[in-house]
Amino acid sequence: MKKILILLLCVTNLLLVSACQNEYKGKYVRWGDTIKSVNVKKLKENNIPYKVKNNKVYIPEDAASDAVLCCS
C-alpha cells in the first residue's frame, strides 16, 4: 500500500512540474551588446532559449524578465 502511495505521489509531482514549465513563444529581441558581454552559460542553466546572430545574442521577448533575474 505504501509503495502505491509513494508511486502515486511521484507521478503527481512529475505531472505538476512538467505542467509548470514555461515555454517562451515571443519574438526574439536583442539581449546585451555582444556575445562577449552576455553570459550564455547562465541562460542555458536557466533554460532560457537564445540565438546568436552577427555576434549578438537574442532571447524571446517574454523571457526578458526571467533573463534579468538570472543574469543580473
N, C-alpha and C. Protein backbone atom coordinates (compact mmCIF):
# COMPACT_ATOMS: atom_id res chain seq x y z
N MET A 1 0.82 -1.19 0.00
CA MET A 1 0.00 0.00 0.00
C MET A 1 0.86 1.26 0.00
N LYS A 2 1.96 1.23 0.80
CA LYS A 2 2.85 2.39 0.86
C LYS A 2 3.53 2.62 -0.48
N LYS A 3 3.90 1.54 -1.15
CA LYS A 3 4.57 1.67 -2.44
C LYS A 3 3.66 2.33 -3.47
N ILE A 4 2.40 1.96 -3.45
CA ILE A 4 1.43 2.55 -4.39
C ILE A 4 1.25 4.03 -4.09
N LEU A 5 1.16 4.38 -2.83
CA LEU A 5 1.00 5.78 -2.44
C LEU A 5 2.22 6.61 -2.84
N ILE A 6 3.40 6.08 -2.62
CA ILE A 6 4.63 6.79 -2.99
C ILE A 6 4.71 6.95 -4.51
N LEU A 7 4.37 5.90 -5.23
CA LEU A 7 4.38 5.97 -6.68
C LEU A 7 3.38 7.00 -7.19
N LEU A 8 2.20 7.03 -6.61
CA LEU A 8 1.18 8.00 -6.98
C LEU A 8 1.65 9.43 -6.71
N LEU A 9 2.29 9.65 -5.58
CA LEU A 9 2.81 10.98 -5.26
C LEU A 9 3.92 11.40 -6.23
N CYS A 10 4.78 10.47 -6.59
CA CYS A 10 5.85 10.77 -7.54
C CYS A 10 5.30 11.14 -8.91
N VAL A 11 4.32 10.39 -9.37
CA VAL A 11 3.71 10.67 -10.67
C VAL A 11 3.01 12.02 -10.64
N THR A 12 2.30 12.31 -9.55
CA THR A 12 1.62 13.60 -9.41
C THR A 12 2.62 14.74 -9.43
N ASN A 13 3.72 14.60 -8.70
CA ASN A 13 4.75 15.64 -8.69
C ASN A 13 5.36 15.84 -10.07
N LEU A 14 5.60 14.76 -10.77
CA LEU A 14 6.16 14.85 -12.11
C LEU A 14 5.22 15.59 -13.05
N LEU A 15 3.95 15.28 -12.97
CA LEU A 15 2.96 15.97 -13.81
C LEU A 15 2.88 17.46 -13.48
N LEU A 16 2.91 17.80 -12.21
CA LEU A 16 2.85 19.20 -11.81
C LEU A 16 4.08 19.97 -12.28
N VAL A 17 5.23 19.38 -12.13
CA VAL A 17 6.46 20.06 -12.54
C VAL A 17 6.49 20.25 -14.05
N SER A 18 6.10 19.25 -14.80
CA SER A 18 6.13 19.39 -16.25
C SER A 18 5.05 20.35 -16.74
N ALA A 19 3.94 20.45 -16.05
CA ALA A 19 2.88 21.37 -16.45
C ALA A 19 3.26 22.81 -16.16
N CYS A 20 4.15 23.02 -15.22
CA CYS A 20 4.54 24.38 -14.83
C CYS A 20 5.75 24.89 -15.59
N GLN A 21 6.29 24.12 -16.52
CA GLN A 21 7.43 24.58 -17.30
C GLN A 21 6.98 25.71 -18.22
N ASN A 22 7.79 26.76 -18.26
CA ASN A 22 7.46 27.92 -19.06
C ASN A 22 8.00 27.74 -20.48
N GLU A 23 7.12 27.87 -21.47
CA GLU A 23 7.55 27.84 -22.86
C GLU A 23 7.52 29.26 -23.38
N TYR A 24 8.65 29.72 -23.86
CA TYR A 24 8.74 31.07 -24.38
C TYR A 24 8.36 31.06 -25.85
N LYS A 25 7.45 31.93 -26.22
CA LYS A 25 6.96 31.95 -27.60
C LYS A 25 7.06 33.33 -28.23
N GLY A 26 7.64 34.28 -27.52
CA GLY A 26 7.69 35.64 -28.03
C GLY A 26 8.69 35.83 -29.15
N LYS A 27 8.61 36.99 -29.77
CA LYS A 27 9.54 37.39 -30.81
C LYS A 27 10.92 37.57 -30.18
N TYR A 28 11.96 37.18 -30.89
CA TYR A 28 13.32 37.30 -30.36
C TYR A 28 13.78 38.75 -30.43
N VAL A 29 14.30 39.23 -29.30
CA VAL A 29 14.81 40.60 -29.20
C VAL A 29 16.27 40.54 -28.76
N ARG A 30 17.00 41.60 -29.05
CA ARG A 30 18.43 41.62 -28.72
C ARG A 30 18.62 41.72 -27.22
N TRP A 31 19.57 40.94 -26.70
CA TRP A 31 19.87 40.91 -25.27
C TRP A 31 21.36 41.21 -25.12
N GLY A 32 21.68 42.34 -24.54
CA GLY A 32 23.08 42.72 -24.37
C GLY A 32 23.69 43.27 -25.64
N ASP A 33 24.95 43.63 -25.56
CA ASP A 33 25.63 44.23 -26.71
C ASP A 33 26.22 43.19 -27.64
N THR A 34 27.09 42.35 -27.10
CA THR A 34 27.75 41.33 -27.92
C THR A 34 27.75 40.00 -27.17
N ILE A 35 28.17 38.96 -27.86
CA ILE A 35 28.25 37.64 -27.23
C ILE A 35 29.23 37.66 -26.07
N LYS A 36 30.24 38.53 -26.12
CA LYS A 36 31.23 38.61 -25.05
C LYS A 36 30.64 39.23 -23.79
N SER A 37 29.64 40.10 -23.93
CA SER A 37 29.07 40.77 -22.76
C SER A 37 27.90 40.00 -22.14
N VAL A 38 27.46 38.93 -22.77
CA VAL A 38 26.32 38.15 -22.27
C VAL A 38 26.82 36.80 -21.77
N ASN A 39 26.39 36.42 -20.59
CA ASN A 39 26.78 35.13 -20.03
C ASN A 39 25.77 34.07 -20.49
N VAL A 40 26.04 33.46 -21.64
CA VAL A 40 25.11 32.48 -22.20
C VAL A 40 25.06 31.21 -21.34
N LYS A 41 26.09 30.98 -20.54
CA LYS A 41 26.08 29.82 -19.64
C LYS A 41 24.92 29.94 -18.65
N LYS A 42 24.69 31.14 -18.13
CA LYS A 42 23.57 31.34 -17.20
C LYS A 42 22.23 31.20 -17.91
N LEU A 43 22.16 31.63 -19.16
CA LEU A 43 20.92 31.45 -19.92
C LEU A 43 20.62 29.96 -20.09
N LYS A 44 21.65 29.18 -20.41
CA LYS A 44 21.47 27.73 -20.57
C LYS A 44 21.03 27.09 -19.26
N GLU A 45 21.69 27.47 -18.15
CA GLU A 45 21.38 26.88 -16.85
C GLU A 45 19.94 27.15 -16.44
N ASN A 46 19.38 28.27 -16.88
CA ASN A 46 18.02 28.66 -16.51
C ASN A 46 17.00 28.36 -17.61
N ASN A 47 17.41 27.53 -18.57
CA ASN A 47 16.51 27.08 -19.65
C ASN A 47 15.89 28.24 -20.42
N ILE A 48 16.67 29.26 -20.67
CA ILE A 48 16.21 30.39 -21.47
C ILE A 48 16.81 30.23 -22.86
N PRO A 49 15.97 30.05 -23.88
CA PRO A 49 16.50 29.85 -25.23
C PRO A 49 17.13 31.14 -25.75
N TYR A 50 18.13 30.99 -26.58
CA TYR A 50 18.77 32.16 -27.17
C TYR A 50 19.30 31.80 -28.55
N LYS A 51 19.49 32.83 -29.35
CA LYS A 51 20.09 32.68 -30.68
C LYS A 51 21.21 33.69 -30.79
N VAL A 52 22.24 33.34 -31.53
CA VAL A 52 23.35 34.26 -31.78
C VAL A 52 23.38 34.57 -33.27
N LYS A 53 23.31 35.87 -33.59
CA LYS A 53 23.37 36.32 -34.98
C LYS A 53 24.31 37.51 -35.03
N ASN A 54 25.26 37.47 -35.92
CA ASN A 54 26.20 38.58 -36.09
C ASN A 54 26.83 39.01 -34.78
N ASN A 55 27.24 38.04 -33.97
CA ASN A 55 27.90 38.29 -32.69
C ASN A 55 26.99 38.98 -31.67
N LYS A 56 25.68 38.91 -31.86
CA LYS A 56 24.71 39.49 -30.93
C LYS A 56 23.80 38.36 -30.42
N VAL A 57 23.37 38.47 -29.17
CA VAL A 57 22.53 37.44 -28.55
C VAL A 57 21.08 37.92 -28.56
N TYR A 58 20.18 37.02 -28.95
CA TYR A 58 18.75 37.32 -28.98
C TYR A 58 18.02 36.31 -28.11
N ILE A 59 17.05 36.80 -27.32
CA ILE A 59 16.23 35.93 -26.48
C ILE A 59 14.76 36.25 -26.77
N PRO A 60 13.84 35.34 -26.45
CA PRO A 60 12.43 35.63 -26.64
C PRO A 60 12.00 36.82 -25.77
N GLU A 61 11.15 37.64 -26.33
CA GLU A 61 10.69 38.85 -25.63
C GLU A 61 10.05 38.52 -24.29
N ASP A 62 9.29 37.43 -24.22
CA ASP A 62 8.63 37.07 -22.97
C ASP A 62 9.57 36.41 -21.96
N ALA A 63 10.84 36.21 -22.33
CA ALA A 63 11.83 35.67 -21.41
C ALA A 63 12.72 36.75 -20.81
N ALA A 64 12.49 37.99 -21.19
CA ALA A 64 13.38 39.07 -20.75
C ALA A 64 13.38 39.23 -19.24
N SER A 65 12.23 39.17 -18.60
CA SER A 65 12.19 39.35 -17.14
C SER A 65 12.91 38.19 -16.43
N ASP A 66 12.77 36.98 -16.95
CA ASP A 66 13.48 35.83 -16.36
C ASP A 66 14.99 35.97 -16.58
N ALA A 67 15.39 36.49 -17.73
CA ALA A 67 16.81 36.68 -18.01
C ALA A 67 17.40 37.74 -17.09
N VAL A 68 16.64 38.77 -16.80
CA VAL A 68 17.11 39.81 -15.86
C VAL A 68 17.32 39.19 -14.49
N LEU A 69 16.39 38.36 -14.05
CA LEU A 69 16.51 37.74 -12.73
C LEU A 69 17.70 36.79 -12.64
N CYS A 70 17.94 36.02 -13.67
CA CYS A 70 19.01 35.01 -13.59
C CYS A 70 20.38 35.57 -13.93
N CYS A 71 20.44 36.58 -14.72
CA CYS A 71 21.73 37.01 -15.27
C CYS A 71 22.21 38.37 -14.75
N SER A 72 21.56 38.91 -13.78
CA SER A 72 21.98 40.22 -13.25
C SER A 72 22.81 40.05 -12.01
